[in-house]
Amino acid sequence: MSTITQSVDVAVPVRTAYNQWTQFESFPEFMEGVESIRQESDTMTHWKIKVGPAEREFDARITEQHPDERIAWSSVEGPKHAGVVTFHRLDEGHTRVNLQLDTDPEGFVENVADATGILSRRVKGDLKRFAEFIEQRGEESGSWRGDVPPSPTL
């Protein structure tokens, strides 16, 4: 299992950054290798991703979510990964977005991408593109303001 930690400062208020992040179906617009995400329910998403020639589909469950603070998730099947994104108010118009991703690469291509730092660079690029995406828009494309209490450890 590898842990990737990256952050980016965005020139929007924390509420705007958080609200946009809750719009999972927009992730392919700024996340490299994310083909599609379908929101199945308040806490379930279905992902289609591509790492080099390797294509994967999996479901991920939101395990904790608090508006303007954090969203945590874990895969339920398929590629094993879990993560948390947190939102930190820097001032009225600026937010720091921190992302921690724990991933267990499957197959040769994904293991090479992890070992050579490609996955870490991809996450860094995704966060940079998220900042550009929301800053250019100036406002979120939608929001989900619900609260998901922490899931008990299985």
N, C-alpha and C. Protein backbone atom coordinates (compact mmCIF):
# COMPACT_ATOMS: atom_id res chain seq x y z
N MET A 1 0.86 -1.17 0.00
CA MET A 1 0.00 0.00 0.00
C MET A 1 0.90 1.23 0.00
N SER A 2 0.61 2.15 -0.90
CA SER A 2 1.35 3.40 -1.00
C SER A 2 0.47 4.56 -0.56
N THR A 3 1.09 5.57 0.03
CA THR A 3 0.37 6.77 0.44
C THR A 3 0.90 7.95 -0.36
N ILE A 4 -0.01 8.67 -0.97
CA ILE A 4 0.32 9.86 -1.75
C ILE A 4 -0.35 11.04 -1.05
N THR A 5 0.42 12.08 -0.76
CA THR A 5 -0.12 13.28 -0.13
C THR A 5 0.28 14.49 -0.97
N GLN A 6 -0.71 15.28 -1.36
CA GLN A 6 -0.47 16.48 -2.15
C GLN A 6 -1.43 17.56 -1.68
N SER A 7 -1.10 18.82 -1.97
CA SER A 7 -2.02 19.91 -1.65
C SER A 7 -1.90 20.99 -2.71
N VAL A 8 -2.93 21.82 -2.77
CA VAL A 8 -2.96 22.95 -3.69
C VAL A 8 -3.73 24.08 -3.05
N ASP A 9 -3.30 25.30 -3.28
CA ASP A 9 -4.04 26.48 -2.83
C ASP A 9 -4.87 26.98 -4.00
N VAL A 10 -6.15 27.24 -3.73
CA VAL A 10 -7.05 27.71 -4.77
C VAL A 10 -7.60 29.08 -4.40
N ALA A 11 -7.80 29.91 -5.41
CA ALA A 11 -8.26 31.28 -5.18
C ALA A 11 -9.78 31.36 -5.23
N VAL A 12 -10.41 30.58 -4.35
CA VAL A 12 -11.86 30.63 -4.16
C VAL A 12 -12.13 30.41 -2.67
N PRO A 13 -13.29 30.83 -2.18
CA PRO A 13 -13.63 30.57 -0.78
C PRO A 13 -13.75 29.07 -0.52
N VAL A 14 -13.58 28.67 0.73
CA VAL A 14 -13.63 27.26 1.10
C VAL A 14 -14.96 26.62 0.69
N ARG A 15 -16.06 27.32 0.84
CA ARG A 15 -17.37 26.77 0.48
C ARG A 15 -17.42 26.42 -1.02
N THR A 16 -16.86 27.28 -1.86
CA THR A 16 -16.86 27.05 -3.30
C THR A 16 -16.01 25.83 -3.65
N ALA A 17 -14.81 25.75 -3.08
CA ALA A 17 -13.92 24.61 -3.35
C ALA A 17 -14.57 23.31 -2.90
N TYR A 18 -15.12 23.30 -1.70
CA TYR A 18 -15.77 22.10 -1.17
C TYR A 18 -16.96 21.71 -2.05
N ASN A 19 -17.83 22.68 -2.34
CA ASN A 19 -19.01 22.38 -3.14
C ASN A 19 -18.65 21.76 -4.48
N GLN A 20 -17.62 22.30 -5.14
CA GLN A 20 -17.23 21.73 -6.44
C GLN A 20 -16.70 20.32 -6.27
N TRP A 21 -15.94 20.06 -5.21
CA TRP A 21 -15.40 18.72 -5.01
C TRP A 21 -16.52 17.69 -4.82
N THR A 22 -17.66 18.10 -4.32
CA THR A 22 -18.77 17.16 -4.13
C THR A 22 -19.43 16.78 -5.45
N GLN A 23 -19.05 17.43 -6.53
CA GLN A 23 -19.61 17.14 -7.85
C GLN A 23 -18.71 16.12 -8.55
N PHE A 24 -18.76 14.87 -8.04
CA PHE A 24 -17.85 13.81 -8.50
C PHE A 24 -17.92 13.58 -10.00
N GLU A 25 -19.09 13.76 -10.60
CA GLU A 25 -19.24 13.50 -12.03
C GLU A 25 -18.45 14.49 -12.88
N SER A 26 -17.97 15.60 -12.28
CA SER A 26 -17.13 16.55 -13.03
C SER A 26 -15.64 16.18 -12.97
N PHE A 27 -15.25 15.20 -12.17
CA PHE A 27 -13.84 14.85 -12.01
C PHE A 27 -13.12 14.57 -13.33
N PRO A 28 -13.75 13.90 -14.32
CA PRO A 28 -13.03 13.66 -15.58
C PRO A 28 -12.58 14.95 -16.27
N GLU A 29 -13.17 16.08 -15.93
CA GLU A 29 -12.78 17.34 -16.55
C GLU A 29 -11.41 17.83 -16.06
N PHE A 30 -10.94 17.33 -14.91
CA PHE A 30 -9.64 17.78 -14.41
C PHE A 30 -8.76 16.66 -13.87
N MET A 31 -9.27 15.42 -13.80
CA MET A 31 -8.47 14.31 -13.29
C MET A 31 -8.03 13.40 -14.42
N GLU A 32 -6.73 13.33 -14.61
CA GLU A 32 -6.16 12.49 -15.65
C GLU A 32 -6.47 11.02 -15.35
N GLY A 33 -6.92 10.30 -16.34
CA GLY A 33 -7.17 8.88 -16.19
C GLY A 33 -8.55 8.53 -15.64
N VAL A 34 -9.30 9.52 -15.18
CA VAL A 34 -10.67 9.25 -14.72
C VAL A 34 -11.57 9.37 -15.93
N GLU A 35 -12.11 8.24 -16.35
CA GLU A 35 -12.98 8.21 -17.52
C GLU A 35 -14.39 8.69 -17.18
N SER A 36 -14.92 8.21 -16.04
CA SER A 36 -16.25 8.64 -15.61
C SER A 36 -16.47 8.27 -14.15
N ILE A 37 -17.37 9.02 -13.51
CA ILE A 37 -17.83 8.71 -12.16
C ILE A 37 -19.34 8.90 -12.17
N ARG A 38 -20.00 7.92 -11.64
CA ARG A 38 -21.45 7.98 -11.53
C ARG A 38 -21.82 7.97 -10.05
N GLN A 39 -22.58 8.97 -9.63
CA GLN A 39 -23.04 9.04 -8.24
C GLN A 39 -24.26 8.13 -8.12
N GLU A 40 -24.11 7.04 -7.35
CA GLU A 40 -25.18 6.06 -7.19
C GLU A 40 -26.15 6.44 -6.07
N SER A 41 -25.61 7.05 -5.02
CA SER A 41 -26.41 7.48 -3.87
C SER A 41 -25.60 8.54 -3.14
N ASP A 42 -26.09 9.01 -2.00
CA ASP A 42 -25.35 10.01 -1.23
C ASP A 42 -23.96 9.52 -0.83
N THR A 43 -23.80 8.21 -0.68
CA THR A 43 -22.52 7.68 -0.19
C THR A 43 -21.85 6.69 -1.14
N MET A 44 -22.40 6.42 -2.30
CA MET A 44 -21.79 5.45 -3.23
C MET A 44 -21.53 6.08 -4.59
N THR A 45 -20.33 5.79 -5.12
CA THR A 45 -19.95 6.25 -6.45
C THR A 45 -19.39 5.06 -7.24
N HIS A 46 -19.55 5.10 -8.55
CA HIS A 46 -18.99 4.07 -9.43
C HIS A 46 -17.99 4.76 -10.35
N TRP A 47 -16.74 4.27 -10.36
CA TRP A 47 -15.64 4.89 -11.10
C TRP A 47 -15.20 4.01 -12.26
N LYS A 48 -14.79 4.66 -13.36
CA LYS A 48 -14.08 4.02 -14.46
C LYS A 48 -12.79 4.82 -14.63
N ILE A 49 -11.65 4.14 -14.47
CA ILE A 49 -10.35 4.83 -14.55
C ILE A 49 -9.44 4.10 -15.54
N LYS A 50 -8.37 4.80 -15.93
CA LYS A 50 -7.39 4.23 -16.83
C LYS A 50 -6.00 4.67 -16.38
N VAL A 51 -5.10 3.70 -16.18
CA VAL A 51 -3.69 3.98 -15.87
C VAL A 51 -2.90 3.31 -16.97
N GLY A 52 -2.38 4.13 -17.91
CA GLY A 52 -1.74 3.55 -19.09
C GLY A 52 -2.75 2.71 -19.84
N PRO A 53 -2.38 1.49 -20.21
CA PRO A 53 -3.34 0.63 -20.92
C PRO A 53 -4.33 -0.08 -19.99
N ALA A 54 -4.09 0.01 -18.68
CA ALA A 54 -4.94 -0.71 -17.72
C ALA A 54 -6.21 0.08 -17.42
N GLU A 55 -7.36 -0.55 -17.62
CA GLU A 55 -8.66 0.05 -17.31
C GLU A 55 -9.27 -0.68 -16.13
N ARG A 56 -9.87 0.09 -15.23
CA ARG A 56 -10.48 -0.49 -14.02
C ARG A 56 -11.84 0.16 -13.77
N GLU A 57 -12.74 -0.60 -13.17
CA GLU A 57 -14.01 -0.09 -12.68
C GLU A 57 -14.15 -0.53 -11.24
N PHE A 58 -14.69 0.34 -10.42
CA PHE A 58 -14.89 -0.01 -9.01
C PHE A 58 -15.91 0.91 -8.38
N ASP A 59 -16.42 0.47 -7.26
CA ASP A 59 -17.31 1.29 -6.45
C ASP A 59 -16.54 1.81 -5.26
N ALA A 60 -16.86 3.04 -4.86
CA ALA A 60 -16.24 3.64 -3.68
C ALA A 60 -17.35 4.19 -2.79
N ARG A 61 -17.17 4.00 -1.51
CA ARG A 61 -18.14 4.47 -0.51
C ARG A 61 -17.57 5.68 0.21
N ILE A 62 -18.38 6.71 0.34
CA ILE A 62 -17.99 7.87 1.15
C ILE A 62 -18.17 7.44 2.60
N THR A 63 -17.08 7.45 3.35
CA THR A 63 -17.10 6.95 4.72
C THR A 63 -17.24 8.06 5.76
N GLU A 64 -17.03 9.30 5.31
CA GLU A 64 -17.19 10.46 6.21
C GLU A 64 -17.23 11.71 5.34
N GLN A 65 -18.13 12.62 5.68
CA GLN A 65 -18.21 13.87 4.93
C GLN A 65 -18.81 14.95 5.82
N HIS A 66 -18.10 16.08 5.89
CA HIS A 66 -18.55 17.23 6.68
C HIS A 66 -18.37 18.48 5.82
N PRO A 67 -19.46 19.20 5.53
CA PRO A 67 -19.38 20.37 4.66
C PRO A 67 -18.26 21.33 5.04
N ASP A 68 -17.55 21.75 4.00
CA ASP A 68 -16.45 22.71 4.08
C ASP A 68 -15.24 22.20 4.87
N GLU A 69 -15.23 20.92 5.24
CA GLU A 69 -14.12 20.38 6.03
C GLU A 69 -13.44 19.18 5.38
N ARG A 70 -14.20 18.09 5.13
CA ARG A 70 -13.55 16.86 4.67
C ARG A 70 -14.50 15.90 3.99
N ILE A 71 -13.90 15.09 3.11
CA ILE A 71 -14.60 13.98 2.48
C ILE A 71 -13.62 12.81 2.50
N ALA A 72 -14.05 11.68 3.05
CA ALA A 72 -13.22 10.47 3.08
C ALA A 72 -13.96 9.36 2.34
N TRP A 73 -13.22 8.48 1.72
CA TRP A 73 -13.83 7.39 0.96
C TRP A 73 -12.94 6.16 0.98
N SER A 74 -13.53 5.06 0.56
CA SER A 74 -12.81 3.80 0.47
C SER A 74 -13.45 2.95 -0.62
N SER A 75 -12.61 2.26 -1.39
CA SER A 75 -13.17 1.39 -2.42
C SER A 75 -13.87 0.21 -1.75
N VAL A 76 -14.93 -0.27 -2.41
CA VAL A 76 -15.67 -1.41 -1.85
C VAL A 76 -15.27 -2.69 -2.57
N GLU A 77 -14.88 -2.58 -3.81
CA GLU A 77 -14.41 -3.71 -4.60
C GLU A 77 -13.51 -3.16 -5.69
N GLY A 78 -12.80 -4.05 -6.36
CA GLY A 78 -11.89 -3.59 -7.40
C GLY A 78 -10.60 -3.08 -6.80
N PRO A 79 -9.93 -2.13 -7.49
CA PRO A 79 -8.65 -1.62 -6.98
C PRO A 79 -8.80 -1.11 -5.55
N LYS A 80 -7.89 -1.51 -4.68
CA LYS A 80 -7.97 -1.09 -3.28
C LYS A 80 -7.37 0.30 -3.11
N HIS A 81 -8.21 1.20 -2.65
CA HIS A 81 -7.71 2.53 -2.32
C HIS A 81 -8.68 3.21 -1.35
N ALA A 82 -8.14 4.17 -0.66
CA ALA A 82 -8.93 4.97 0.28
C ALA A 82 -8.27 6.34 0.31
N GLY A 83 -9.03 7.33 0.73
CA GLY A 83 -8.45 8.65 0.78
C GLY A 83 -9.29 9.62 1.57
N VAL A 84 -8.73 10.80 1.74
CA VAL A 84 -9.43 11.89 2.41
C VAL A 84 -8.96 13.19 1.78
N VAL A 85 -9.92 14.08 1.54
CA VAL A 85 -9.59 15.42 1.06
C VAL A 85 -10.11 16.39 2.11
N THR A 86 -9.26 17.33 2.49
CA THR A 86 -9.65 18.31 3.51
C THR A 86 -9.52 19.71 2.91
N PHE A 87 -10.34 20.62 3.44
CA PHE A 87 -10.43 21.98 2.94
C PHE A 87 -10.11 22.93 4.09
N HIS A 88 -9.13 23.82 3.87
CA HIS A 88 -8.66 24.72 4.92
C HIS A 88 -8.75 26.16 4.44
N ARG A 89 -9.50 26.97 5.17
CA ARG A 89 -9.66 28.38 4.84
C ARG A 89 -8.34 29.11 5.11
N LEU A 90 -7.79 29.73 4.07
CA LEU A 90 -6.59 30.53 4.24
C LEU A 90 -6.97 31.97 4.53
N ASP A 91 -7.95 32.46 3.80
CA ASP A 91 -8.57 33.77 4.05
C ASP A 91 -9.91 33.73 3.32
N GLU A 92 -10.60 34.84 3.26
CA GLU A 92 -11.95 34.84 2.70
C GLU A 92 -12.03 34.30 1.27
N GLY A 93 -11.00 34.50 0.49
CA GLY A 93 -11.06 34.10 -0.92
C GLY A 93 -10.07 33.02 -1.33
N HIS A 94 -9.43 32.36 -0.35
CA HIS A 94 -8.42 31.35 -0.67
C HIS A 94 -8.56 30.13 0.23
N THR A 95 -8.35 28.95 -0.38
CA THR A 95 -8.52 27.68 0.32
C THR A 95 -7.35 26.76 0.00
N ARG A 96 -6.88 26.04 0.99
CA ARG A 96 -5.90 24.97 0.75
C ARG A 96 -6.66 23.65 0.72
N VAL A 97 -6.45 22.89 -0.35
CA VAL A 97 -7.05 21.57 -0.51
C VAL A 97 -5.94 20.55 -0.31
N ASN A 98 -6.08 19.70 0.70
CA ASN A 98 -5.11 18.64 0.98
C ASN A 98 -5.74 17.30 0.62
N LEU A 99 -4.97 16.47 -0.09
CA LEU A 99 -5.46 15.16 -0.49
C LEU A 99 -4.47 14.09 -0.04
N GLN A 100 -4.98 13.08 0.64
CA GLN A 100 -4.18 11.92 0.99
C GLN A 100 -4.85 10.71 0.38
N LEU A 101 -4.10 9.94 -0.40
CA LEU A 101 -4.62 8.78 -1.08
C LEU A 101 -3.78 7.57 -0.73
N ASP A 102 -4.42 6.53 -0.23
CA ASP A 102 -3.76 5.25 0.03
C ASP A 102 -4.20 4.31 -1.08
N THR A 103 -3.24 3.77 -1.82
CA THR A 103 -3.57 2.93 -2.96
C THR A 103 -2.71 1.67 -2.98
N ASP A 104 -3.30 0.60 -3.46
CA ASP A 104 -2.60 -0.67 -3.61
C ASP A 104 -2.63 -1.01 -5.09
N PRO A 105 -1.61 -0.59 -5.84
CA PRO A 105 -1.62 -0.79 -7.29
C PRO A 105 -1.78 -2.26 -7.68
N GLU A 106 -2.55 -2.48 -8.75
CA GLU A 106 -2.74 -3.83 -9.29
C GLU A 106 -1.99 -3.93 -10.60
N GLY A 107 -1.31 -5.04 -10.82
CA GLY A 107 -0.68 -5.29 -12.11
C GLY A 107 0.63 -4.57 -12.30
N PHE A 108 1.33 -4.97 -13.34
CA PHE A 108 2.66 -4.47 -13.64
C PHE A 108 2.67 -2.96 -13.90
N VAL A 109 1.80 -2.49 -14.79
CA VAL A 109 1.81 -1.08 -15.19
C VAL A 109 1.56 -0.17 -13.99
N GLU A 110 0.58 -0.51 -13.17
CA GLU A 110 0.25 0.32 -12.01
C GLU A 110 1.37 0.29 -10.97
N ASN A 111 2.00 -0.85 -10.78
CA ASN A 111 3.12 -0.94 -9.83
C ASN A 111 4.31 -0.12 -10.31
N VAL A 112 4.58 -0.14 -11.60
CA VAL A 112 5.67 0.67 -12.16
C VAL A 112 5.33 2.16 -12.00
N ALA A 113 4.08 2.53 -12.31
CA ALA A 113 3.66 3.93 -12.17
C ALA A 113 3.81 4.41 -10.73
N ASP A 114 3.50 3.54 -9.79
CA ASP A 114 3.64 3.89 -8.38
C ASP A 114 5.11 3.99 -7.99
N ALA A 115 5.90 3.00 -8.36
CA ALA A 115 7.31 2.95 -7.97
C ALA A 115 8.12 4.10 -8.56
N THR A 116 7.75 4.57 -9.73
CA THR A 116 8.51 5.64 -10.39
C THR A 116 7.98 7.04 -10.08
N GLY A 117 6.95 7.11 -9.24
CA GLY A 117 6.41 8.41 -8.85
C GLY A 117 5.37 8.98 -9.82
N ILE A 118 5.02 8.22 -10.84
CA ILE A 118 4.03 8.71 -11.82
C ILE A 118 2.69 8.97 -11.15
N LEU A 119 2.26 8.08 -10.25
CA LEU A 119 0.96 8.27 -9.59
C LEU A 119 0.97 9.55 -8.74
N SER A 120 2.05 9.78 -8.03
CA SER A 120 2.15 10.99 -7.20
C SER A 120 2.11 12.25 -8.07
N ARG A 121 2.82 12.23 -9.20
CA ARG A 121 2.80 13.38 -10.11
C ARG A 121 1.41 13.56 -10.73
N ARG A 122 0.73 12.46 -10.98
CA ARG A 122 -0.62 12.54 -11.54
C ARG A 122 -1.55 13.23 -10.54
N VAL A 123 -1.47 12.84 -9.27
CA VAL A 123 -2.31 13.45 -8.24
C VAL A 123 -2.00 14.95 -8.12
N LYS A 124 -0.72 15.29 -8.14
CA LYS A 124 -0.33 16.70 -8.08
C LYS A 124 -0.91 17.47 -9.26
N GLY A 125 -0.83 16.89 -10.44
CA GLY A 125 -1.40 17.52 -11.63
C GLY A 125 -2.91 17.64 -11.55
N ASP A 126 -3.57 16.61 -11.01
CA ASP A 126 -5.03 16.65 -10.85
C ASP A 126 -5.44 17.80 -9.95
N LEU A 127 -4.73 17.99 -8.85
CA LEU A 127 -5.06 19.09 -7.93
C LEU A 127 -4.82 20.44 -8.59
N LYS A 128 -3.74 20.56 -9.35
CA LYS A 128 -3.46 21.81 -10.06
C LYS A 128 -4.59 22.10 -11.06
N ARG A 129 -5.02 21.06 -11.79
CA ARG A 129 -6.10 21.24 -12.76
C ARG A 129 -7.43 21.54 -12.05
N PHE A 130 -7.65 20.96 -10.85
CA PHE A 130 -8.85 21.30 -10.07
C PHE A 130 -8.84 22.79 -9.75
N ALA A 131 -7.69 23.31 -9.31
CA ALA A 131 -7.59 24.73 -8.97
C ALA A 131 -7.91 25.58 -10.20
N GLU A 132 -7.32 25.24 -11.34
CA GLU A 132 -7.59 25.99 -12.57
C GLU A 132 -9.07 25.90 -12.95
N PHE A 133 -9.64 24.71 -12.82
CA PHE A 133 -11.04 24.46 -13.18
C PHE A 133 -11.98 25.35 -12.36
N ILE A 134 -11.83 25.35 -11.04
CA ILE A 134 -12.75 26.11 -10.19
C ILE A 134 -12.44 27.61 -10.25
N GLU A 135 -11.17 27.98 -10.37
CA GLU A 135 -10.83 29.41 -10.46
C GLU A 135 -11.36 30.02 -11.76
N GLN A 136 -11.28 29.29 -12.86
CA GLN A 136 -11.79 29.80 -14.13
C GLN A 136 -13.31 29.93 -14.09
N ARG A 137 -13.98 28.97 -13.45
CA ARG A 137 -15.44 29.02 -13.35
C ARG A 137 -15.87 30.16 -12.43
N GLY A 138 -15.13 30.30 -11.31
CA GLY A 138 -15.48 31.33 -10.33
C GLY A 138 -16.60 30.91 -9.38
N GLU A 139 -17.31 29.87 -9.74
CA GLU A 139 -18.37 29.34 -8.88
C GLU A 139 -18.52 27.85 -9.14
N GLU A 140 -19.06 27.16 -8.17
CA GLU A 140 -19.22 25.72 -8.28
C GLU A 140 -20.33 25.36 -9.26
N SER A 141 -20.25 24.16 -9.83
CA SER A 141 -21.28 23.70 -10.77
C SER A 141 -22.45 23.06 -10.04
N GLY A 142 -22.34 22.91 -8.75
CA GLY A 142 -23.38 22.30 -7.92
C GLY A 142 -22.81 22.07 -6.53
N SER A 143 -23.58 21.41 -5.68
CA SER A 143 -23.08 21.12 -4.34
C SER A 143 -23.92 20.02 -3.71
N TRP A 144 -23.32 19.36 -2.74
CA TRP A 144 -24.05 18.46 -1.86
C TRP A 144 -23.57 18.80 -0.46
N ARG A 145 -24.48 19.30 0.37
CA ARG A 145 -24.12 19.82 1.68
C ARG A 145 -24.47 18.86 2.80
N GLY A 146 -24.76 17.61 2.47
CA GLY A 146 -25.12 16.64 3.50
C GLY A 146 -23.92 16.27 4.37
N ASP A 147 -24.20 15.70 5.52
CA ASP A 147 -23.17 15.26 6.46
C ASP A 147 -23.22 13.75 6.57
N VAL A 148 -22.07 13.11 6.47
CA VAL A 148 -21.96 11.66 6.62
C VAL A 148 -21.07 11.42 7.82
N PRO A 149 -21.63 10.88 8.92
CA PRO A 149 -20.79 10.62 10.08
C PRO A 149 -19.77 9.51 9.77
N PRO A 150 -18.68 9.46 10.52
CA PRO A 150 -17.66 8.43 10.26
C PRO A 150 -18.28 7.05 10.29
N SER A 151 -17.88 6.23 9.31
CA SER A 151 -18.33 4.83 9.27
C SER A 151 -17.53 4.04 10.30
N PRO A 152 -18.19 3.10 10.96
CA PRO A 152 -17.43 2.24 11.88
C PRO A 152 -16.44 1.38 11.12
N THR A 153 -15.32 1.09 11.72
CA THR A 153 -14.32 0.23 11.10
C THR A 153 -14.87 -1.18 11.00
N LEU A 154 -14.70 -1.75 9.80
CA LEU A 154 -15.20 -3.11 9.58
C LEU A 154 -14.23 -4.14 10.04
